[in-house]
Amino acid sequence: MTRRDDIPEATPVRPTADLPKAGAFEKISAVSNPKIKHIRALQMRKYRAETGLFIAEGVKLAADALKAGWPVDTLVLALGAMEHPFTARVAATARARGATIIEANAPVMEKVSRRENPQTVVGVFKQRIAGLDAVAKHPGLWVGLEAVRDPGNLGTVIRTADALGAAGVLLVGETTDPFGLEAVRATMGSFFHVPLARASVDAFLAWRPSFRGAVVGTHLSGTNDIRTADFGEPALLMMGNEQAGLSDAVATVCDALVKIPMAGEADSLNLAISTGIALFELRRNRLTL
C-alpha cells in the first residue's frame, strides 16, 4: 500500500483556467475516438515499438514519471479526477510540459485500461532505454537478465534493484517488453528511477572484455556460495531465463558462477525471488538502515 507521503509532489494547484497553454485540454466520451484508439493500441508491443510510447496506469506512476523527468505525451483523467488536489497538480505539471490532457467518461477509461474498475489516471509517456554504454555511465552493481520472459518478474526485479541500490538493469537477448503494461505496473514506480539498458547476446559478448568489473552469474554448476561472495563494484550480476537459466555463451564469459543454497524439496526458485536474494547478498555490506 502506498502512503500519501510516499507520493512525490508535482506543481502547486492552480485553477483550470490558469493552467499553462503548452498542452491541449479536451473531453472525450466516445470509445471510437481516434485518440482513444491510439492509446488502446499501445497495449500491443508492436505498436509501442512503432510509436516509441507506452502506458503507465495510476496517478502515482504518472507522478513518479514526471518527477523523474520522463517525456509525457498524454494524460487521460476520469471525470471528477481533477477535484483531487494531488491529481490536479500532476495534470498541471503534465500540461505545462506539453502533454494533451483528456477528460474521459467511465466507458472510455475502461477501454483505455482494459479494466472494469480502471485507474482514474492513465499516462502516455515516451520510451527511454539505453545501450551498453549506460553501464559505464552509471557505475555500481548492475543486474543483467538474459531472455527474461515474464513481465511480472521483470517488473519485480526492477523494483528490487531500486530498493537495494543497484545501478541499473540490463536486458540481454530476446526479453519481454519492459514497456508492457504488466511490467511497468509491477515496478510500483521504480521503473522511472532505475536506468534500463538493452543489448543482443552478440553485442553483450563483444562488449564483455571492455567491462572493468566482475561479471557474476547464477548457475546450477556454480561453486561459489552467494552468501560469501563479494566481488566489489562495479560488477554485473547475470541472471538467466526462467526455464533454462543462463545460456552457455553467457555463462562462459562470467568471472564466477554462484549458487543459492536451498533446503527442502523445491528444485528451483522464482527468477525475481532468486535475483532479490543474490542482489541482497552482493550488496549486504553496502546497505544501511
Protein backbone atom coordinates (compact mmCIF):
# COMPACT_ATOMS: atom_id res chain seq x y z
CA MET A 1 0.00 0.00 0.00
CA THR A 2 1.24 3.49 -0.84
CA ARG A 3 1.06 6.19 1.80
CA ARG A 4 0.21 9.72 0.78
CA ASP A 5 3.64 10.94 1.90
CA ASP A 6 5.27 8.37 -0.39
CA ILE A 7 3.79 10.13 -3.42
CA PRO A 8 6.04 12.89 -4.82
CA GLU A 9 4.77 16.41 -5.19
CA ALA A 10 4.29 17.84 -8.65
CA THR A 11 3.48 21.55 -9.10
CA PRO A 12 1.20 23.73 -6.97
CA VAL A 13 -2.52 23.54 -7.68
CA ARG A 14 -3.90 26.25 -9.89
CA PRO A 15 -7.36 26.85 -11.30
CA THR A 16 -8.04 25.13 -14.63
CA ALA A 17 -8.36 28.46 -16.41
CA ASP A 18 -4.88 29.40 -15.22
CA LEU A 19 -3.17 26.23 -16.49
CA PRO A 20 -0.27 26.75 -18.92
CA LYS A 21 -1.33 26.61 -22.55
CA ALA A 22 1.54 24.38 -23.68
CA GLY A 23 -0.70 21.32 -23.86
CA ALA A 24 -4.24 20.93 -25.12
CA PHE A 25 -7.25 20.02 -22.99
CA GLU A 26 -10.28 18.16 -24.30
CA LYS A 27 -13.18 15.98 -23.21
CA ILE A 28 -13.81 12.64 -24.93
CA SER A 29 -16.86 10.45 -24.39
CA ALA A 30 -16.70 8.12 -27.42
CA VAL A 31 -14.60 4.95 -27.34
CA SER A 32 -14.34 5.21 -31.14
CA ASN A 33 -12.40 8.47 -30.91
CA PRO A 34 -9.10 8.13 -32.88
CA LYS A 35 -7.04 9.34 -29.90
CA ILE A 36 -8.58 6.69 -27.69
CA LYS A 37 -7.95 4.01 -30.32
CA HIS A 38 -4.33 5.18 -30.48
CA ILE A 39 -3.88 4.85 -26.71
CA ARG A 40 -5.60 1.46 -26.64
CA ALA A 41 -3.27 0.23 -29.37
CA LEU A 42 -0.30 0.89 -27.07
CA GLN A 43 -1.26 -2.31 -25.27
CA MET A 44 0.32 -4.11 -28.27
CA ARG A 45 4.10 -4.49 -28.26
CA LYS A 46 4.43 -3.87 -31.99
CA TYR A 47 2.59 -0.56 -31.77
CA ARG A 48 4.67 0.51 -28.77
CA ALA A 49 7.80 -0.19 -30.77
CA GLU A 50 6.49 1.76 -33.77
CA THR A 51 5.46 4.82 -31.78
CA GLY A 52 8.07 4.82 -29.03
CA LEU A 53 5.30 5.35 -26.47
CA PHE A 54 3.93 3.32 -23.55
CA ILE A 55 1.21 3.43 -20.89
CA ALA A 56 1.60 3.98 -17.15
CA GLU A 57 -1.62 3.46 -15.15
CA GLY A 58 -2.41 5.33 -11.97
CA VAL A 59 -1.71 8.76 -10.57
CA LYS A 60 1.31 7.54 -8.59
CA LEU A 61 3.06 6.10 -11.65
CA ALA A 62 2.28 9.25 -13.61
CA ALA A 63 3.66 11.39 -10.78
CA ASP A 64 6.79 9.24 -10.49
CA ALA A 65 7.42 9.52 -14.23
CA LEU A 66 7.01 13.30 -14.20
CA LYS A 67 9.22 13.68 -11.14
CA ALA A 68 11.95 11.68 -12.86
CA GLY A 69 11.69 13.85 -15.98
CA TRP A 70 10.24 11.30 -18.41
CA PRO A 71 8.73 12.97 -21.52
CA VAL A 72 4.95 12.92 -21.28
CA ASP A 73 2.66 12.72 -24.29
CA THR A 74 -0.89 12.40 -22.93
CA LEU A 75 -2.70 12.19 -19.62
CA VAL A 76 -6.21 10.66 -19.56
CA LEU A 77 -8.27 11.56 -16.49
CA ALA A 78 -11.57 10.13 -15.29
CA LEU A 79 -14.43 12.55 -14.82
CA GLY A 80 -14.03 14.28 -11.47
CA ALA A 81 -10.40 13.24 -11.01
CA MET A 82 -9.25 16.86 -11.19
CA GLU A 83 -11.17 17.53 -7.99
CA HIS A 84 -8.44 15.70 -6.10
CA PRO A 85 -5.67 18.25 -5.35
CA PHE A 86 -2.79 15.85 -5.99
CA THR A 87 -4.22 14.69 -9.33
CA ALA A 88 -4.74 18.33 -10.29
CA ARG A 89 -1.06 19.03 -9.57
CA VAL A 90 0.01 16.07 -11.69
CA ALA A 91 -2.23 17.22 -14.56
CA ALA A 92 -0.90 20.78 -14.29
CA THR A 93 2.68 19.54 -14.48
CA ALA A 94 1.96 17.31 -17.47
CA ARG A 95 0.15 20.06 -19.34
CA ALA A 96 2.93 22.55 -18.63
CA ARG A 97 5.32 20.09 -20.30
CA GLY A 98 3.21 19.96 -23.43
CA ALA A 99 1.01 16.93 -22.76
CA THR A 100 -2.53 16.67 -24.02
CA ILE A 101 -4.95 16.36 -21.10
CA ILE A 102 -8.03 14.27 -21.88
CA GLU A 103 -11.01 14.08 -19.54
CA ALA A 104 -12.90 10.85 -20.25
CA ASN A 105 -16.05 9.13 -19.06
CA ALA A 106 -16.17 5.67 -17.45
CA PRO A 107 -16.64 3.62 -20.69
CA VAL A 108 -13.62 5.33 -22.26
CA MET A 109 -11.48 4.80 -19.15
CA GLU A 110 -12.40 1.10 -19.15
CA LYS A 111 -11.34 0.76 -22.80
CA VAL A 112 -8.08 2.60 -22.23
CA SER A 113 -7.08 0.45 -19.26
CA ARG A 114 -8.97 -2.77 -20.17
CA ARG A 115 -10.30 -2.96 -16.63
CA GLU A 116 -13.82 -2.87 -15.22
CA ASN A 117 -12.53 -0.76 -12.32
CA PRO A 118 -9.92 1.37 -14.06
CA GLN A 119 -7.49 3.80 -12.52
CA THR A 120 -8.54 7.45 -12.56
CA VAL A 121 -5.36 8.45 -14.38
CA VAL A 122 -3.68 6.84 -17.39
CA GLY A 123 -0.48 8.41 -18.66
CA VAL A 124 1.20 8.00 -22.04
CA PHE A 125 4.96 8.55 -21.93
CA LYS A 126 7.87 8.37 -24.35
CA GLN A 127 10.15 5.37 -24.01
CA ARG A 128 13.69 5.75 -22.72
CA ILE A 129 16.17 2.86 -22.84
CA ALA A 130 19.94 2.94 -23.24
CA GLY A 131 22.61 0.72 -24.73
CA LEU A 132 25.60 -0.94 -23.09
CA ASP A 133 27.36 2.41 -22.65
CA ALA A 134 24.94 3.10 -19.77
CA VAL A 135 26.75 0.53 -17.61
CA ALA A 136 29.88 2.70 -17.54
CA LYS A 137 27.87 5.91 -17.15
CA HIS A 138 26.14 4.56 -14.03
CA PRO A 139 28.84 2.63 -12.13
CA GLY A 140 27.89 0.23 -9.39
CA LEU A 141 26.23 -3.18 -9.32
CA TRP A 142 24.06 -3.84 -12.37
CA VAL A 143 21.55 -6.65 -12.73
CA GLY A 144 21.63 -8.43 -16.07
CA LEU A 145 18.64 -10.50 -17.20
CA GLU A 146 19.11 -12.86 -20.12
CA ALA A 147 15.96 -13.72 -22.07
CA VAL A 148 13.56 -12.97 -19.19
CA ARG A 149 10.05 -13.91 -20.35
CA ASP A 150 7.63 -12.95 -17.59
CA PRO A 151 6.73 -9.25 -17.35
CA GLY A 152 5.82 -9.61 -13.69
CA ASN A 153 9.28 -11.00 -12.97
CA LEU A 154 10.93 -8.17 -14.86
CA GLY A 155 8.92 -5.52 -13.06
CA THR A 156 9.65 -7.06 -9.67
CA VAL A 157 13.38 -7.23 -10.43
CA ILE A 158 13.41 -3.54 -11.37
CA ARG A 159 11.60 -2.69 -8.14
CA THR A 160 14.04 -4.82 -6.12
CA ALA A 161 17.03 -3.28 -7.89
CA ASP A 162 15.74 0.13 -6.88
CA ALA A 163 15.20 -0.91 -3.26
CA LEU A 164 18.70 -2.39 -2.93
CA GLY A 165 20.50 0.45 -4.66
CA ALA A 166 21.54 -1.33 -7.85
CA ALA A 167 22.95 0.92 -10.56
CA GLY A 168 20.63 -0.36 -13.28
CA VAL A 169 19.07 -3.32 -15.09
CA LEU A 170 20.49 -4.68 -18.34
CA LEU A 171 18.29 -6.80 -20.64
CA VAL A 172 20.25 -9.26 -22.76
CA GLY A 173 18.81 -11.12 -25.73
CA GLU A 174 15.14 -11.57 -26.58
CA THR A 175 13.21 -10.48 -23.49
CA THR A 176 9.71 -9.50 -22.55
CA ASP A 177 8.96 -5.86 -23.29
CA PRO A 178 9.89 -3.67 -20.31
CA PHE A 179 7.36 -1.09 -21.54
CA GLY A 180 4.45 -3.53 -21.38
CA LEU A 181 1.63 -2.60 -19.03
CA GLU A 182 2.17 -5.51 -16.64
CA ALA A 183 5.93 -4.96 -16.36
CA VAL A 184 5.57 -1.23 -15.70
CA ARG A 185 2.81 -1.84 -13.15
CA ALA A 186 4.90 -4.44 -11.27
CA THR A 187 7.71 -1.94 -10.69
CA MET A 188 5.44 0.21 -8.49
CA GLY A 189 7.13 3.33 -9.85
CA SER A 190 10.75 2.14 -9.66
CA PHE A 191 10.68 1.85 -13.45
CA PHE A 192 11.22 5.59 -13.69
CA HIS A 193 14.19 5.73 -11.32
CA VAL A 194 16.33 2.75 -12.37
CA PRO A 195 18.47 3.08 -15.53
CA LEU A 196 17.43 0.48 -18.10
CA ALA A 197 19.65 -0.81 -20.90
CA ARG A 198 19.27 -3.43 -23.62
CA ALA A 199 21.63 -5.43 -25.84
CA SER A 200 21.61 -8.51 -28.04
CA VAL A 201 23.57 -11.55 -26.86
CA ASP A 202 26.18 -10.97 -29.58
CA ALA A 203 26.57 -7.31 -28.60
CA PHE A 204 26.91 -8.28 -24.93
CA LEU A 205 29.59 -10.88 -25.67
CA ALA A 206 31.53 -8.38 -27.79
CA TRP A 207 31.28 -5.75 -25.03
CA ARG A 208 32.17 -8.06 -22.16
CA PRO A 209 36.01 -7.75 -22.41
CA SER A 210 35.75 -3.97 -22.06
CA PHE A 211 33.86 -4.13 -18.76
CA ARG A 212 36.26 -3.40 -15.92
CA GLY A 213 34.26 -5.05 -13.17
CA ALA A 214 33.39 -8.63 -12.26
CA VAL A 215 30.64 -10.47 -14.12
CA VAL A 216 28.93 -12.90 -11.73
CA GLY A 217 26.38 -15.44 -12.96
CA THR A 218 23.94 -17.61 -11.03
CA HIS A 219 24.17 -21.17 -12.32
CA LEU A 220 23.42 -24.73 -11.21
CA SER A 221 27.08 -25.58 -11.72
CA GLY A 222 28.19 -22.65 -9.60
CA THR A 223 30.83 -23.44 -6.97
CA ASN A 224 30.66 -20.16 -5.06
CA ASP A 225 28.15 -19.70 -2.22
CA ILE A 226 26.29 -16.43 -2.85
CA ARG A 227 26.30 -15.78 0.92
CA THR A 228 30.08 -15.43 0.98
CA ALA A 229 30.55 -13.81 -2.42
CA ASP A 230 31.92 -10.28 -2.55
CA PHE A 231 33.28 -9.13 -5.87
CA GLY A 232 33.28 -5.41 -5.18
CA GLU A 233 31.84 -2.82 -7.52
CA PRO A 234 31.47 -2.14 -10.37
CA ALA A 235 30.02 -5.56 -11.05
CA LEU A 236 27.34 -7.22 -13.13
CA LEU A 237 25.06 -9.91 -11.71
CA MET A 238 23.77 -12.08 -14.56
CA MET A 239 20.50 -13.97 -14.13
CA GLY A 240 19.16 -16.44 -16.67
CA ASN A 241 15.87 -17.31 -18.28
CA GLU A 242 13.04 -18.64 -16.06
CA GLN A 243 13.17 -22.10 -17.64
CA ALA A 244 16.72 -22.58 -18.95
CA GLY A 245 18.86 -20.30 -16.80
CA LEU A 246 21.94 -18.64 -18.28
CA SER A 247 22.93 -19.74 -21.76
CA ASP A 248 26.30 -21.45 -22.13
CA ALA A 249 27.57 -18.50 -24.15
CA VAL A 250 26.87 -16.01 -21.35
CA ALA A 251 27.89 -18.36 -18.51
CA THR A 252 31.27 -18.90 -20.18
CA VAL A 253 32.20 -15.20 -20.02
CA CYS A 254 31.33 -14.85 -16.32
CA ASP A 255 34.24 -14.40 -13.92
CA ALA A 256 32.44 -16.55 -11.36
CA LEU A 257 29.34 -18.71 -11.14
CA VAL A 258 27.45 -18.61 -7.85
CA LYS A 259 24.69 -20.72 -6.36
CA ILE A 260 21.95 -20.01 -3.83
CA PRO A 261 21.89 -22.82 -1.22
CA MET A 262 18.48 -24.42 -0.78
CA ALA A 263 16.80 -26.82 1.62
CA GLY A 264 13.53 -28.67 1.25
CA GLU A 265 12.10 -30.36 -1.82
CA ALA A 266 11.86 -27.35 -4.17
CA ASP A 267 14.26 -27.70 -7.08
CA SER A 268 14.25 -24.05 -8.11
CA LEU A 269 13.30 -20.52 -7.15
CA ASN A 270 11.26 -17.93 -8.98
CA LEU A 271 13.52 -15.64 -11.05
CA ALA A 272 12.51 -12.46 -9.22
CA ILE A 273 12.98 -14.11 -5.81
CA SER A 274 16.41 -15.54 -6.67
CA THR A 275 17.51 -12.20 -8.12
CA GLY A 276 16.44 -10.46 -4.91
CA ILE A 277 18.40 -12.92 -2.77
CA ALA A 278 21.54 -12.70 -4.90
CA LEU A 279 21.36 -8.92 -5.17
CA PHE A 280 20.92 -8.55 -1.40
CA GLU A 281 23.89 -10.76 -0.65
CA LEU A 282 26.14 -8.88 -3.07
CA ARG A 283 25.08 -5.52 -1.61
CA ARG A 284 24.73 -6.59 2.02
CA ASN A 285 27.79 -4.68 3.25
CA ARG A 286 26.75 -1.52 1.39
CA LEU A 287 23.24 -1.25 2.80
CA THR A 288 22.33 0.81 5.85
CA LEU A 289 19.11 1.29 7.77
